Amino acid sequence: MTDAEAQRAMATKVVDWLDGRIPTDRFVSEYWRIRRELLNTNWSAFEGVFGEVMSSVDTAVDSYRIDDRADFEIDEQQLRQELLTAMENLRRRAPSVLNG
């Protein structure tokens, strides 16, 4: 898989969730699985703008909790807002990732 294909696979998973194509808990587990696989095979895909944007996605997904949230954890509504912002940033700064 090329870096561009790896980036698109990861970003598409986020967009699929934002568009309601997969439930939140499945998204979270699949997101981390895809991220681990891509880091193991295409770590260079996480350099530059893509890596910067996806770092904010990582932080949001890692902070998401459905129950018993601590002050630093977020709910689904905030997760959605943070990921929308991240994908808008990605579209603006690296449009080829999602339009490829």
N, C-alpha and C. Protein backbone atom coordinates (compact mmCIF):
# COMPACT_ATOMS: atom_id res chain seq x y z
N MET A 1 0.84 -1.18 0.00
CA MET A 1 0.00 0.00 0.00
C MET A 1 0.89 1.24 0.00
N THR A 2 0.60 2.16 -0.88
CA THR A 2 1.38 3.40 -0.93
C THR A 2 0.99 4.31 0.24
N ASP A 3 1.82 5.32 0.47
CA ASP A 3 1.49 6.30 1.52
C ASP A 3 0.14 6.95 1.24
N ALA A 4 -0.12 7.31 0.00
CA ALA A 4 -1.39 7.96 -0.36
C ALA A 4 -2.57 7.03 -0.09
N GLU A 5 -2.42 5.75 -0.42
CA GLU A 5 -3.49 4.78 -0.16
C GLU A 5 -3.70 4.60 1.35
N ALA A 6 -2.62 4.57 2.11
CA ALA A 6 -2.72 4.43 3.56
C ALA A 6 -3.42 5.64 4.17
N GLN A 7 -3.05 6.82 3.72
CA GLN A 7 -3.69 8.03 4.23
C GLN A 7 -5.18 8.04 3.89
N ARG A 8 -5.51 7.69 2.68
CA ARG A 8 -6.91 7.67 2.26
C ARG A 8 -7.71 6.65 3.07
N ALA A 9 -7.13 5.48 3.33
CA ALA A 9 -7.83 4.45 4.11
C ALA A 9 -8.17 4.95 5.51
N MET A 10 -7.24 5.62 6.12
CA MET A 10 -7.46 6.10 7.48
C MET A 10 -8.46 7.26 7.49
N ALA A 11 -8.29 8.21 6.60
CA ALA A 11 -9.20 9.36 6.54
C ALA A 11 -10.61 8.91 6.16
N THR A 12 -10.71 7.95 5.27
CA THR A 12 -12.02 7.45 4.85
C THR A 12 -12.76 6.81 6.01
N LYS A 13 -12.06 6.14 6.89
CA LYS A 13 -12.70 5.55 8.07
C LYS A 13 -13.35 6.64 8.91
N VAL A 14 -12.67 7.76 9.07
CA VAL A 14 -13.23 8.88 9.84
C VAL A 14 -14.46 9.44 9.12
N VAL A 15 -14.35 9.65 7.82
CA VAL A 15 -15.47 10.20 7.04
C VAL A 15 -16.66 9.24 7.07
N ASP A 16 -16.41 7.94 6.98
CA ASP A 16 -17.50 6.96 7.05
C ASP A 16 -18.27 7.10 8.36
N TRP A 17 -17.55 7.29 9.46
CA TRP A 17 -18.23 7.47 10.75
C TRP A 17 -18.99 8.79 10.76
N LEU A 18 -18.36 9.86 10.31
CA LEU A 18 -19.03 11.16 10.30
C LEU A 18 -20.30 11.13 9.46
N ASP A 19 -20.30 10.34 8.40
CA ASP A 19 -21.46 10.23 7.53
C ASP A 19 -22.49 9.21 8.04
N GLY A 20 -22.22 8.62 9.21
CA GLY A 20 -23.18 7.69 9.81
C GLY A 20 -23.19 6.30 9.22
N ARG A 21 -22.14 5.94 8.50
CA ARG A 21 -22.10 4.61 7.87
C ARG A 21 -21.67 3.50 8.82
N ILE A 22 -21.06 3.87 9.94
CA ILE A 22 -20.67 2.86 10.93
C ILE A 22 -20.96 3.40 12.34
N PRO A 23 -21.33 2.52 13.26
CA PRO A 23 -21.59 2.96 14.63
C PRO A 23 -20.29 3.39 15.34
N THR A 24 -20.45 4.21 16.34
CA THR A 24 -19.30 4.80 17.02
C THR A 24 -18.35 3.77 17.60
N ASP A 25 -18.87 2.78 18.33
CA ASP A 25 -17.94 1.83 18.96
C ASP A 25 -17.17 1.03 17.92
N ARG A 26 -17.83 0.69 16.81
CA ARG A 26 -17.11 -0.01 15.74
C ARG A 26 -16.07 0.91 15.11
N PHE A 27 -16.43 2.17 14.90
CA PHE A 27 -15.47 3.13 14.35
C PHE A 27 -14.22 3.21 15.22
N VAL A 28 -14.40 3.36 16.52
CA VAL A 28 -13.26 3.51 17.42
C VAL A 28 -12.34 2.30 17.33
N SER A 29 -12.90 1.10 17.39
CA SER A 29 -12.03 -0.08 17.34
C SER A 29 -11.38 -0.24 15.96
N GLU A 30 -12.11 0.02 14.88
CA GLU A 30 -11.54 -0.10 13.54
C GLU A 30 -10.50 0.99 13.29
N TYR A 31 -10.75 2.18 13.81
CA TYR A 31 -9.79 3.27 13.64
C TYR A 31 -8.44 2.88 14.22
N TRP A 32 -8.44 2.40 15.46
CA TRP A 32 -7.17 2.03 16.10
C TRP A 32 -6.52 0.85 15.40
N ARG A 33 -7.31 -0.11 14.92
CA ARG A 33 -6.74 -1.26 14.20
C ARG A 33 -6.06 -0.80 12.92
N ILE A 34 -6.76 0.02 12.14
CA ILE A 34 -6.20 0.52 10.88
C ILE A 34 -4.96 1.36 11.15
N ARG A 35 -5.02 2.19 12.16
CA ARG A 35 -3.87 3.05 12.50
C ARG A 35 -2.65 2.19 12.84
N ARG A 36 -2.83 1.16 13.68
CA ARG A 36 -1.71 0.28 14.04
C ARG A 36 -1.13 -0.41 12.81
N GLU A 37 -2.02 -0.94 11.97
CA GLU A 37 -1.56 -1.62 10.74
C GLU A 37 -0.78 -0.67 9.85
N LEU A 38 -1.28 0.53 9.68
CA LEU A 38 -0.62 1.48 8.80
C LEU A 38 0.71 1.96 9.38
N LEU A 39 0.76 2.14 10.68
CA LEU A 39 2.04 2.52 11.30
C LEU A 39 3.08 1.43 11.12
N ASN A 40 2.64 0.18 11.16
CA ASN A 40 3.56 -0.94 10.98
C ASN A 40 4.04 -1.11 9.55
N THR A 41 3.20 -0.69 8.59
CA THR A 41 3.55 -0.92 7.19
C THR A 41 3.88 0.35 6.41
N ASN A 42 3.33 1.47 6.82
CA ASN A 42 3.49 2.73 6.09
C ASN A 42 3.70 3.89 7.05
N TRP A 43 4.62 3.76 7.96
CA TRP A 43 4.81 4.81 8.97
C TRP A 43 5.09 6.17 8.33
N SER A 44 5.70 6.18 7.15
CA SER A 44 6.01 7.46 6.50
C SER A 44 4.75 8.21 6.06
N ALA A 45 3.63 7.51 5.96
CA ALA A 45 2.37 8.16 5.60
C ALA A 45 1.93 9.17 6.66
N PHE A 46 2.48 9.05 7.86
CA PHE A 46 2.08 9.91 8.96
C PHE A 46 2.96 11.14 9.11
N GLU A 47 3.77 11.40 8.12
CA GLU A 47 4.62 12.59 8.16
C GLU A 47 3.85 13.78 7.59
N GLY A 48 4.31 14.96 7.88
CA GLY A 48 3.76 16.18 7.29
C GLY A 48 2.36 16.53 7.75
N VAL A 49 1.62 17.16 6.85
CA VAL A 49 0.28 17.66 7.16
C VAL A 49 -0.65 16.53 7.61
N PHE A 50 -0.61 15.41 6.91
CA PHE A 50 -1.48 14.30 7.27
C PHE A 50 -1.23 13.86 8.71
N GLY A 51 0.01 13.68 9.07
CA GLY A 51 0.34 13.27 10.43
C GLY A 51 -0.10 14.28 11.46
N GLU A 52 0.05 15.55 11.13
CA GLU A 52 -0.36 16.62 12.04
C GLU A 52 -1.88 16.58 12.27
N VAL A 53 -2.62 16.47 11.19
CA VAL A 53 -4.09 16.44 11.30
C VAL A 53 -4.54 15.17 12.02
N MET A 54 -3.96 14.05 11.66
CA MET A 54 -4.40 12.79 12.27
C MET A 54 -4.01 12.72 13.74
N SER A 55 -3.01 13.46 14.14
CA SER A 55 -2.66 13.53 15.56
C SER A 55 -3.83 14.11 16.36
N SER A 56 -4.50 15.11 15.79
CA SER A 56 -5.66 15.68 16.48
C SER A 56 -6.82 14.68 16.49
N VAL A 57 -6.95 13.88 15.44
CA VAL A 57 -7.97 12.82 15.42
C VAL A 57 -7.64 11.78 16.49
N ASP A 58 -6.37 11.37 16.56
CA ASP A 58 -5.95 10.41 17.58
C ASP A 58 -6.32 10.89 18.98
N THR A 59 -6.03 12.15 19.26
CA THR A 59 -6.30 12.71 20.57
C THR A 59 -7.79 12.68 20.88
N ALA A 60 -8.61 13.07 19.91
CA ALA A 60 -10.05 13.07 20.12
C ALA A 60 -10.59 11.66 20.33
N VAL A 61 -10.19 10.73 19.47
CA VAL A 61 -10.67 9.36 19.59
C VAL A 61 -10.22 8.75 20.92
N ASP A 62 -8.99 9.03 21.31
CA ASP A 62 -8.47 8.52 22.58
C ASP A 62 -9.21 9.12 23.78
N SER A 63 -9.71 10.34 23.63
CA SER A 63 -10.40 11.03 24.73
C SER A 63 -11.88 10.66 24.82
N TYR A 64 -12.40 10.01 23.81
CA TYR A 64 -13.83 9.68 23.78
C TYR A 64 -14.16 8.58 24.79
N ARG A 65 -15.22 8.81 25.53
CA ARG A 65 -15.74 7.80 26.46
C ARG A 65 -17.26 7.89 26.42
N ILE A 66 -17.89 6.73 26.43
CA ILE A 66 -19.34 6.70 26.40
C ILE A 66 -19.92 6.90 27.81
N ASP A 67 -19.26 6.39 28.83
CA ASP A 67 -19.75 6.47 30.21
C ASP A 67 -18.64 6.94 31.13
N ASP A 68 -19.03 7.42 32.30
CA ASP A 68 -18.08 7.74 33.37
C ASP A 68 -16.90 8.57 32.88
N ARG A 69 -17.20 9.68 32.20
CA ARG A 69 -16.14 10.54 31.67
C ARG A 69 -15.47 11.34 32.78
N ALA A 70 -14.19 11.45 32.67
CA ALA A 70 -13.43 12.36 33.53
C ALA A 70 -13.45 13.74 32.84
N ASP A 71 -12.94 14.74 33.50
CA ASP A 71 -12.97 16.10 32.96
C ASP A 71 -12.28 16.22 31.60
N PHE A 72 -11.26 15.43 31.35
CA PHE A 72 -10.50 15.54 30.10
C PHE A 72 -11.06 14.65 29.00
N GLU A 73 -12.10 13.88 29.27
CA GLU A 73 -12.66 12.99 28.27
C GLU A 73 -13.87 13.64 27.60
N ILE A 74 -14.19 13.19 26.38
CA ILE A 74 -15.24 13.84 25.60
C ILE A 74 -16.36 12.86 25.27
N ASP A 75 -17.54 13.41 24.99
CA ASP A 75 -18.68 12.59 24.59
C ASP A 75 -18.75 12.52 23.05
N GLU A 76 -19.76 11.81 22.56
CA GLU A 76 -19.86 11.60 21.12
C GLU A 76 -20.08 12.91 20.36
N GLN A 77 -20.85 13.81 20.91
CA GLN A 77 -21.08 15.09 20.24
C GLN A 77 -19.78 15.87 20.07
N GLN A 78 -18.97 15.91 21.11
CA GLN A 78 -17.70 16.62 21.01
C GLN A 78 -16.73 15.89 20.09
N LEU A 79 -16.76 14.56 20.12
CA LEU A 79 -15.92 13.77 19.21
C LEU A 79 -16.29 14.12 17.76
N ARG A 80 -17.57 14.15 17.48
CA ARG A 80 -18.03 14.48 16.13
C ARG A 80 -17.53 15.87 15.71
N GLN A 81 -17.65 16.84 16.59
CA GLN A 81 -17.21 18.19 16.25
C GLN A 81 -15.70 18.24 16.01
N GLU A 82 -14.94 17.58 16.85
CA GLU A 82 -13.48 17.60 16.69
C GLU A 82 -13.05 16.90 15.41
N LEU A 83 -13.71 15.81 15.06
CA LEU A 83 -13.34 15.09 13.84
C LEU A 83 -13.80 15.84 12.59
N LEU A 84 -14.95 16.51 12.67
CA LEU A 84 -15.37 17.37 11.55
C LEU A 84 -14.34 18.46 11.30
N THR A 85 -13.89 19.09 12.37
CA THR A 85 -12.88 20.14 12.26
C THR A 85 -11.59 19.58 11.65
N ALA A 86 -11.18 18.41 12.10
CA ALA A 86 -9.95 17.79 11.59
C ALA A 86 -10.08 17.47 10.10
N MET A 87 -11.22 16.92 9.69
CA MET A 87 -11.40 16.56 8.27
C MET A 87 -11.49 17.81 7.40
N GLU A 88 -12.10 18.88 7.91
CA GLU A 88 -12.11 20.15 7.17
C GLU A 88 -10.68 20.67 7.00
N ASN A 89 -9.90 20.56 8.05
CA ASN A 89 -8.49 20.96 8.01
C ASN A 89 -7.73 20.12 6.98
N LEU A 90 -7.97 18.83 6.97
CA LEU A 90 -7.31 17.94 6.01
C LEU A 90 -7.72 18.30 4.58
N ARG A 91 -9.00 18.53 4.36
CA ARG A 91 -9.47 18.90 3.01
C ARG A 91 -8.83 20.20 2.54
N ARG A 92 -8.65 21.13 3.46
CA ARG A 92 -8.09 22.43 3.11
C ARG A 92 -6.58 22.35 2.88
N ARG A 93 -5.88 21.60 3.73
CA ARG A 93 -4.42 21.60 3.68
C ARG A 93 -3.83 20.48 2.83
N ALA A 94 -4.57 19.39 2.65
CA ALA A 94 -4.08 18.26 1.85
C ALA A 94 -5.26 17.64 1.10
N PRO A 95 -5.84 18.38 0.16
CA PRO A 95 -7.07 17.94 -0.50
C PRO A 95 -6.93 16.61 -1.25
N SER A 96 -5.76 16.27 -1.68
CA SER A 96 -5.60 15.03 -2.44
C SER A 96 -5.85 13.79 -1.59
N VAL A 97 -5.74 13.90 -0.28
CA VAL A 97 -5.95 12.73 0.58
C VAL A 97 -7.38 12.21 0.42
N LEU A 98 -8.35 13.10 0.46
CA LEU A 98 -9.75 12.67 0.37
C LEU A 98 -10.31 12.71 -1.05
N ASN A 99 -9.66 13.43 -1.92
CA ASN A 99 -10.17 13.56 -3.29
C ASN A 99 -9.42 12.69 -4.28
N GLY A 100 -8.38 12.02 -3.79
CA GLY A 100 -7.43 11.29 -4.57
C GLY A 100 -7.87 10.52 -5.71
